[in-house]
Amino acid sequence: MTRVLVVEDEAIVAESIASKLRRYGYEVLDTPPSGEEALEIAEKSRPDVILMDIHLAGEMDGIQTADRIASLYHIPVIFLTAYADEQTIARAKDAGPFGYLVKPFRERDLYVTIEMARERSRLEAELEAANKELDSFSYSVSHDLRAPLIAIDGFSRILEETYAGYLPPDGIECLNRIRQAANQMDQLIDDFLRLSRVTRAPVQIGPLNVSKLARDILGGLAAQDPDRSVHWKVEEDLQAFGDPGLCEIALKNLLGNAWKYTKNTPDARIQVGSTMQGQSRVFFIKDNGAGFPPEKANLLFIPLQRLHSPQEFPGNGIGLATVQRIIHRHGGRIWAEGFVDNGATFFFTLPEEAE
C-alpha cells in the first residue's frame, strides 16, 4: 500500500484530501500543518509520496520544506496549492517537485499525479543505481585493462633499452609497434571513459562567448604546431548559453579535427561563424581539408567509426561521438556536410537563452 504524507495547515482541507486518498486505497500517515513537523515525520516514517501545500504554518513554507526533503531523502513531493502565479511556480520548479496541482482539483487528477510521481521516482532510483554500477564498471575496466598495458609497455621498453644491440632491425620495428599499440589502447580507454563521463555529468548552463573560446583553442593549436601555417577566422561576438566545460570539450574536438584534417592542404583555412535558420542561430566550423564522402555523413558520430585510415590521420573515432552527446545534452543538434578533398563543415546549435 502506498503511504502518503499530507502537509496542509488547514485542517478541513487536509481531512478532505486524506479522505480522497483513502478512497483510492492509499494509507495516509499523517496531516502535519508545518514544514518542521513534516521533516520529522519524513525522517521517521519515510513515506512513499508527500503532498505539500506551499503556504504552511511555521517558519518554513512548502517550497523550503520540499527543498530540505529533496536534499535529505529520495521522497517524491507533489505541490498542492491554490497559487498558480508565475513567481510561485518559478520558486516551486527550483525545488524539483514531482507534480504540481492547483486547487481545486479532481480526485482522478490527484490519483494520476501520485502514480506518475511514484513511477518517476522508481525510474530515477533505478537510473541512479545503474549510474553507480556504471561508475564501478568504468573504474574496473580502466584498472583491469591498464594493468596489462602497463606491463606490455614496460617490458617492451626494457627489451628495447637492454637488448636493442642483439635485435635485428625488423625486431626493433616489432618492439616499436608493440609500444605504439599499447599507447593507442591506453588513449582509447581514456577516450571511452571521457565519453562515459560526458553522458552523465551534470550540465551547468551559463553564458558562453563562443568567439573567445574558439580563438583560445585555435591559438593553442597553433602554439603546439608552430611549423604549420593555417589561416583561421572567427566571427566576432558569437554568443550562446551552455556548460562552459562541456562546450570547451566539444569545440576542442571540432577545431582539433579541422586542424588535423587540413594538415595536407597547402593553403589550410578554418572558419568559425554562424548563420540563421528561421529563428534559430546555427554555429558552424568549416575547413578546406580532406573532407569525407557526403553519403557517409551519418557515420561520423558513431563511436569507433572512422572514414580515414589511422596512418593517414591518427585518431580512434571517439571525438565526434563525444561532441554529439554534449550538443544533445544541451538540447541542440549537430550535423555535417563535406566532400572528399574539398573540406568539411560541422553545424551545431546551442541554447540562445538561459533555461
Protein backbone atom coordinates (compact mmCIF):
# COMPACT_ATOMS: atom_id res chain seq x y z
CA MET A 1 0.00 0.00 0.00
CA THR A 2 1.30 3.44 -0.93
CA ARG A 3 1.98 5.55 2.16
CA VAL A 4 1.23 9.26 1.76
CA LEU A 5 2.05 12.23 3.97
CA VAL A 6 -0.26 15.24 3.56
CA VAL A 7 1.30 18.55 4.64
CA GLU A 8 -1.51 21.11 4.92
CA ASP A 9 -2.14 23.82 7.53
CA GLU A 10 -5.93 23.98 7.01
CA ALA A 11 -7.40 21.07 8.94
CA ILE A 12 -10.61 20.82 6.89
CA VAL A 13 -8.70 20.82 3.58
CA ALA A 14 -6.22 18.27 4.96
CA GLU A 15 -9.02 15.89 6.01
CA SER A 16 -10.75 16.30 2.64
CA ILE A 17 -7.54 15.33 0.80
CA ALA A 18 -6.98 12.43 3.20
CA SER A 19 -10.49 11.12 2.53
CA LYS A 20 -9.92 11.24 -1.22
CA LEU A 21 -6.67 9.34 -0.82
CA ARG A 22 -8.24 6.62 1.33
CA ARG A 23 -10.95 6.08 -1.27
CA TYR A 24 -8.18 5.22 -3.74
CA GLY A 25 -6.61 2.80 -1.29
CA TYR A 26 -3.70 4.95 -0.09
CA GLU A 27 -2.53 4.91 3.52
CA VAL A 28 -2.41 8.43 4.97
CA LEU A 29 0.38 8.57 7.55
CA ASP A 30 -0.44 12.00 8.97
CA THR A 31 -1.51 15.54 8.10
CA PRO A 32 1.03 17.87 9.76
CA PRO A 33 0.38 21.63 9.39
CA SER A 34 4.02 22.78 9.27
CA GLY A 35 7.23 22.08 7.39
CA GLU A 36 9.12 21.37 10.63
CA GLU A 37 6.69 18.60 11.60
CA ALA A 38 6.72 17.23 8.06
CA LEU A 39 10.52 16.88 8.18
CA GLU A 40 10.33 14.95 11.46
CA ILE A 41 7.70 12.54 10.11
CA ALA A 42 9.57 12.12 6.83
CA GLU A 43 12.73 11.17 8.71
CA LYS A 44 10.95 8.61 10.93
CA SER A 45 8.37 7.13 8.56
CA ARG A 46 9.85 7.65 5.07
CA PRO A 47 6.53 7.96 3.20
CA ASP A 48 6.27 6.90 -0.44
CA VAL A 49 4.84 10.27 -1.52
CA ILE A 50 4.41 13.69 0.13
CA LEU A 51 1.61 16.06 -0.82
CA MET A 52 2.76 19.55 0.13
CA ASP A 53 0.86 22.82 0.36
CA ILE A 54 3.12 25.77 -0.46
CA HIS A 55 1.85 28.14 2.24
CA LEU A 56 2.24 26.50 5.65
CA ALA A 57 2.19 27.39 9.31
CA GLY A 58 5.64 27.70 10.88
CA GLU A 59 8.90 29.22 9.76
CA MET A 60 9.33 27.15 6.57
CA ASP A 61 6.93 27.23 3.64
CA GLY A 62 6.23 24.21 1.47
CA ILE A 63 8.90 25.02 -1.09
CA GLN A 64 11.64 25.31 1.55
CA THR A 65 10.43 22.08 3.16
CA ALA A 66 10.43 20.25 -0.19
CA ASP A 67 13.96 21.53 -0.80
CA ARG A 68 15.15 20.06 2.51
CA ILE A 69 13.40 16.76 1.87
CA ALA A 70 14.94 16.51 -1.62
CA SER A 71 18.43 17.07 -0.19
CA LEU A 72 17.98 14.52 2.63
CA TYR A 73 15.73 11.74 1.31
CA HIS A 74 14.61 10.34 -2.04
CA ILE A 75 10.89 11.01 -1.49
CA PRO A 76 8.76 12.45 -4.31
CA VAL A 77 6.99 15.69 -3.38
CA ILE A 78 3.83 16.94 -5.11
CA PHE A 79 2.71 20.52 -4.55
CA LEU A 80 -0.99 21.06 -3.90
CA THR A 81 -1.69 24.77 -3.84
CA ALA A 82 -4.20 27.45 -4.66
CA TYR A 83 -1.43 29.63 -6.11
CA ALA A 84 -0.56 29.48 -9.81
CA ASP A 85 1.22 32.82 -10.33
CA GLU A 86 4.49 32.82 -12.26
CA GLN A 87 6.65 33.78 -9.28
CA THR A 88 5.35 30.92 -7.13
CA ILE A 89 5.65 28.42 -9.97
CA ALA A 90 9.23 29.55 -10.66
CA ARG A 91 10.17 29.05 -6.99
CA ALA A 92 8.42 25.69 -6.93
CA LYS A 93 10.31 24.49 -10.03
CA ASP A 94 13.62 25.11 -8.28
CA ALA A 95 12.61 22.58 -5.60
CA GLY A 96 12.27 19.87 -8.26
CA PRO A 97 8.74 18.67 -7.45
CA PHE A 98 7.29 15.51 -8.95
CA GLY A 99 3.97 17.24 -9.64
CA TYR A 100 2.04 20.49 -9.24
CA LEU A 101 -1.74 20.56 -8.78
CA VAL A 102 -3.75 23.75 -8.40
CA LYS A 103 -6.71 23.64 -6.02
CA PRO A 104 -9.46 22.78 -6.56
CA PHE A 105 -8.51 19.59 -8.39
CA ARG A 106 -10.35 16.44 -9.34
CA GLU A 107 -9.82 13.22 -7.40
CA ARG A 108 -8.76 11.46 -10.58
CA ASP A 109 -6.08 14.10 -11.24
CA LEU A 110 -4.74 13.54 -7.73
CA TYR A 111 -4.55 9.78 -8.28
CA VAL A 112 -2.86 10.09 -11.70
CA THR A 113 -0.31 12.62 -10.39
CA ILE A 114 0.61 10.39 -7.43
CA GLU A 115 1.03 7.31 -9.61
CA MET A 116 3.14 9.20 -12.15
CA ALA A 117 5.30 10.62 -9.34
CA ARG A 118 5.84 7.14 -7.91
CA GLU A 119 6.82 5.76 -11.31
CA ARG A 120 9.21 8.64 -11.96
CA SER A 121 10.74 8.16 -8.50
CA ARG A 122 11.23 4.46 -9.20
CA LEU A 123 12.86 5.13 -12.55
CA GLU A 124 15.17 7.77 -11.08
CA ALA A 125 16.24 5.38 -8.31
CA GLU A 126 16.96 2.69 -10.91
CA LEU A 127 18.91 5.19 -13.02
CA GLU A 128 20.96 6.29 -10.03
CA ALA A 129 21.76 2.67 -9.18
CA ALA A 130 22.67 1.98 -12.81
CA ASN A 131 24.97 5.02 -12.91
CA LYS A 132 26.73 3.89 -9.74
CA GLU A 133 27.16 0.44 -11.25
CA LEU A 134 28.47 2.02 -14.45
CA ASP A 135 30.95 4.12 -12.47
CA SER A 136 32.17 1.00 -10.73
CA PHE A 137 32.39 -0.86 -14.04
CA SER A 138 34.27 2.03 -15.68
CA TYR A 139 36.80 2.09 -12.86
CA SER A 140 37.20 -1.68 -13.05
CA VAL A 141 37.65 -1.61 -16.83
CA SER A 142 40.16 1.21 -16.55
CA HIS A 143 42.17 -0.55 -13.85
CA ASP A 144 41.96 -4.09 -15.22
CA LEU A 145 42.80 -3.10 -18.80
CA ARG A 146 45.56 -0.68 -17.89
CA ALA A 147 47.47 -3.19 -15.74
CA PRO A 148 48.43 -5.49 -18.66
CA LEU A 149 49.03 -2.48 -20.93
CA ILE A 150 51.50 -1.04 -18.43
CA ALA A 151 53.23 -4.43 -18.27
CA ILE A 152 53.40 -4.70 -22.07
CA ASP A 153 54.79 -1.20 -22.43
CA GLY A 154 57.24 -1.64 -19.55
CA PHE A 155 58.70 -4.97 -20.62
CA SER A 156 58.91 -3.95 -24.27
CA ARG A 157 60.78 -0.81 -23.20
CA ILE A 158 63.22 -2.94 -21.17
CA LEU A 159 63.77 -5.14 -24.22
CA GLU A 160 64.35 -2.09 -26.39
CA GLU A 161 66.79 -0.42 -23.97
CA THR A 162 68.67 -3.54 -22.80
CA TYR A 163 68.74 -5.84 -25.80
CA ALA A 164 68.46 -3.45 -28.74
CA GLY A 165 72.01 -4.35 -29.82
CA TYR A 166 71.04 -8.03 -30.11
CA LEU A 167 67.94 -7.46 -32.21
CA PRO A 168 67.82 -7.10 -36.00
CA PRO A 169 66.09 -4.01 -37.46
CA ASP A 170 62.80 -5.84 -38.00
CA GLY A 171 62.88 -6.91 -34.32
CA ILE A 172 63.29 -3.27 -33.24
CA GLU A 173 60.41 -2.38 -35.54
CA CYS A 174 58.22 -5.04 -33.89
CA LEU A 175 59.00 -3.62 -30.45
CA ASN A 176 58.12 -0.13 -31.62
CA ARG A 177 54.80 -1.37 -32.96
CA ILE A 178 54.03 -3.17 -29.69
CA ARG A 179 54.65 0.01 -27.67
CA GLN A 180 52.69 2.12 -30.14
CA ALA A 181 49.71 -0.26 -29.95
CA ALA A 182 49.83 -0.24 -26.14
CA ASN A 183 49.82 3.57 -26.11
CA GLN A 184 46.92 3.69 -28.57
CA MET A 185 44.92 1.29 -26.39
CA ASP A 186 45.66 3.41 -23.31
CA GLN A 187 44.39 6.51 -25.15
CA LEU A 188 41.29 4.64 -26.28
CA ILE A 189 40.49 3.72 -22.66
CA ASP A 190 40.85 7.38 -21.69
CA ASP A 191 38.54 8.48 -24.50
CA PHE A 192 35.87 5.90 -23.66
CA LEU A 193 35.91 6.96 -20.00
CA ARG A 194 35.64 10.60 -21.05
CA LEU A 195 32.67 9.74 -23.29
CA SER A 196 31.02 7.95 -20.37
CA ARG A 197 31.56 10.91 -18.02
CA VAL A 198 30.20 13.38 -20.58
CA THR A 199 26.99 11.37 -20.83
CA ARG A 200 26.35 11.52 -17.07
CA ALA A 201 27.96 14.79 -15.98
CA PRO A 202 25.51 17.45 -14.72
CA VAL A 203 25.02 20.34 -17.15
CA GLN A 204 25.50 23.80 -15.64
CA ILE A 205 24.10 26.34 -18.12
CA GLY A 206 25.74 29.76 -18.27
CA PRO A 207 26.65 32.45 -20.83
CA LEU A 208 29.23 31.42 -23.44
CA ASN A 209 31.48 33.63 -25.52
CA VAL A 210 31.90 31.19 -28.39
CA SER A 211 34.18 33.57 -30.31
CA LYS A 212 36.69 33.90 -27.47
CA LEU A 213 36.60 30.17 -26.74
CA ALA A 214 37.27 29.31 -30.40
CA ARG A 215 40.13 31.83 -30.68
CA ASP A 216 41.76 30.49 -27.50
CA ILE A 217 41.56 26.90 -28.77
CA LEU A 218 42.92 27.79 -32.22
CA GLY A 219 45.72 29.81 -30.62
CA GLY A 220 46.63 26.78 -28.51
CA LEU A 221 46.68 24.52 -31.59
CA ALA A 222 48.94 26.98 -33.41
CA ALA A 223 51.33 27.10 -30.44
CA GLN A 224 51.50 23.29 -30.30
CA ASP A 225 52.14 23.04 -34.05
CA PRO A 226 54.32 26.08 -34.91
CA ASP A 227 55.59 24.60 -38.18
CA ARG A 228 52.13 24.76 -39.74
CA SER A 229 50.64 27.79 -41.46
CA VAL A 230 46.87 27.76 -41.01
CA HIS A 231 44.71 30.78 -41.81
CA TRP A 232 41.79 30.92 -39.39
CA LYS A 233 38.95 33.37 -39.00
CA VAL A 234 36.46 33.59 -36.11
CA GLU A 235 33.28 35.65 -36.39
CA GLU A 236 33.05 38.35 -33.72
CA ASP A 237 30.55 38.26 -30.85
CA LEU A 238 29.29 34.71 -31.17
CA GLN A 239 27.22 34.28 -28.01
CA ALA A 240 25.23 31.34 -26.64
CA PHE A 241 24.39 29.55 -23.40
CA GLY A 242 25.83 26.24 -22.28
CA ASP A 243 28.03 24.39 -19.86
CA PRO A 244 31.49 26.05 -20.19
CA GLY A 245 33.48 22.87 -19.52
CA LEU A 246 31.46 20.58 -21.79
CA CYS A 247 31.27 23.14 -24.60
CA GLU A 248 35.03 23.64 -24.44
CA ILE A 249 35.47 19.87 -24.89
CA ALA A 250 33.12 19.94 -27.89
CA LEU A 251 34.87 22.87 -29.56
CA LYS A 252 38.31 21.39 -28.89
CA ASN A 253 37.26 18.22 -30.69
CA LEU A 254 35.69 20.05 -33.63
CA LEU A 255 38.54 22.54 -34.08
CA GLY A 256 41.13 19.83 -33.42
CA ASN A 257 39.59 17.81 -36.24
CA ALA A 258 39.65 20.80 -38.58
CA TRP A 259 43.31 21.36 -37.71
CA LYS A 260 44.17 17.69 -38.19
CA TYR A 261 42.34 17.15 -41.48
CA THR A 262 43.90 20.21 -43.12
CA LYS A 263 47.49 19.06 -42.48
CA ASN A 264 47.94 18.01 -46.13
CA THR A 265 46.26 21.13 -47.53
CA PRO A 266 48.77 23.73 -48.80
CA ASP A 267 46.55 26.76 -48.09
CA ALA A 268 44.82 25.46 -44.96
CA ARG A 269 41.85 27.50 -43.80
CA ILE A 270 39.48 27.20 -40.82
CA GLN A 271 36.42 29.38 -40.30
CA VAL A 272 34.17 29.66 -37.24
CA GLY A 273 30.90 31.51 -37.76
CA SER A 274 27.13 31.37 -37.61
CA THR A 275 24.08 31.57 -39.81
CA MET A 276 20.34 31.86 -39.24
CA GLN A 277 17.90 29.04 -39.95
CA GLY A 278 14.47 30.50 -39.42
CA GLN A 279 14.52 31.99 -35.92
CA SER A 280 17.46 29.86 -34.72
CA ARG A 281 21.16 30.65 -34.82
CA VAL A 282 23.33 27.83 -36.14
CA PHE A 283 27.07 27.82 -35.45
CA PHE A 284 29.48 26.25 -37.93
CA ILE A 285 33.14 25.23 -38.15
CA LYS A 286 34.37 24.97 -41.72
CA ASP A 287 37.69 23.78 -43.14
CA ASN A 288 39.13 23.10 -46.59
CA GLY A 289 40.84 19.84 -45.66
CA ALA A 290 40.41 16.18 -46.55
CA GLY A 291 36.62 16.18 -46.23
CA PHE A 292 34.57 12.98 -46.43
CA PRO A 293 32.12 11.23 -48.78
CA PRO A 294 28.76 13.00 -48.29
CA GLU A 295 26.85 9.72 -48.29
CA LYS A 296 28.79 8.65 -45.17
CA ALA A 297 27.98 11.74 -43.08
CA ASN A 298 25.69 9.64 -40.86
CA LEU A 299 28.69 7.52 -39.74
CA LEU A 300 30.72 10.43 -38.38
CA PHE A 301 29.16 10.45 -34.90
CA ILE A 302 29.19 6.69 -34.30
CA PRO A 303 31.92 5.65 -31.80
CA LEU A 304 34.93 3.94 -33.43
CA GLN A 305 33.69 4.68 -36.96
CA ARG A 306 36.48 6.33 -38.97
CA LEU A 307 36.37 7.47 -42.60
CA HIS A 308 40.16 7.76 -42.92
CA SER A 309 42.91 5.32 -42.06
CA PRO A 310 44.90 5.85 -38.82
CA GLN A 311 48.08 6.01 -40.91
CA GLU A 312 46.71 8.98 -42.86
CA PHE A 313 45.07 10.78 -39.92
CA PRO A 314 45.59 9.41 -36.39
CA GLY A 315 42.62 9.02 -34.07
CA ASN A 316 40.21 6.45 -32.66
CA GLY A 317 36.76 7.71 -33.68
CA ILE A 318 35.55 8.79 -30.22
CA GLY A 319 35.86 12.58 -30.50
CA LEU A 320 32.81 13.31 -32.66
CA ALA A 321 30.66 10.89 -30.66
CA THR A 322 31.61 12.90 -27.57
CA VAL A 323 30.73 16.16 -29.33
CA GLN A 324 27.33 14.83 -30.37
CA ARG A 325 26.47 13.76 -26.83
CA ILE A 326 27.48 17.15 -25.44
CA ILE A 327 25.34 19.01 -28.00
CA HIS A 328 22.37 16.69 -27.41
CA ARG A 329 22.66 17.20 -23.65
CA HIS A 330 22.19 20.90 -24.32
CA GLY A 331 19.06 20.16 -26.35
CA GLY A 332 20.87 21.09 -29.57
CA ARG A 333 21.51 19.45 -32.95
CA ILE A 334 24.72 18.70 -34.84
CA TRP A 335 25.27 17.61 -38.42
CA ALA A 336 27.99 17.78 -41.06
CA GLU A 337 28.44 18.40 -44.76
CA GLY A 338 31.53 17.62 -46.80
CA PHE A 339 33.13 16.32 -49.96
CA VAL A 340 36.30 14.32 -50.47
CA ASP A 341 39.34 16.64 -50.74
CA ASN A 342 37.02 19.64 -50.55
CA GLY A 343 36.69 20.22 -46.81
CA ALA A 344 34.02 19.69 -44.18
CA THR A 345 31.57 21.90 -42.32
CA PHE A 346 30.11 20.97 -38.94
CA PHE A 347 26.90 22.73 -37.91
CA PHE A 348 25.53 22.77 -34.36
CA THR A 349 23.06 24.62 -32.19
CA LEU A 350 23.22 25.70 -28.55
CA PRO A 351 20.64 27.33 -26.26
CA GLU A 352 20.20 31.01 -27.08
CA GLU A 353 18.92 31.86 -23.62
CA ALA A 354 19.39 30.55 -20.10
CA GLU A 355 16.86 27.80 -19.39
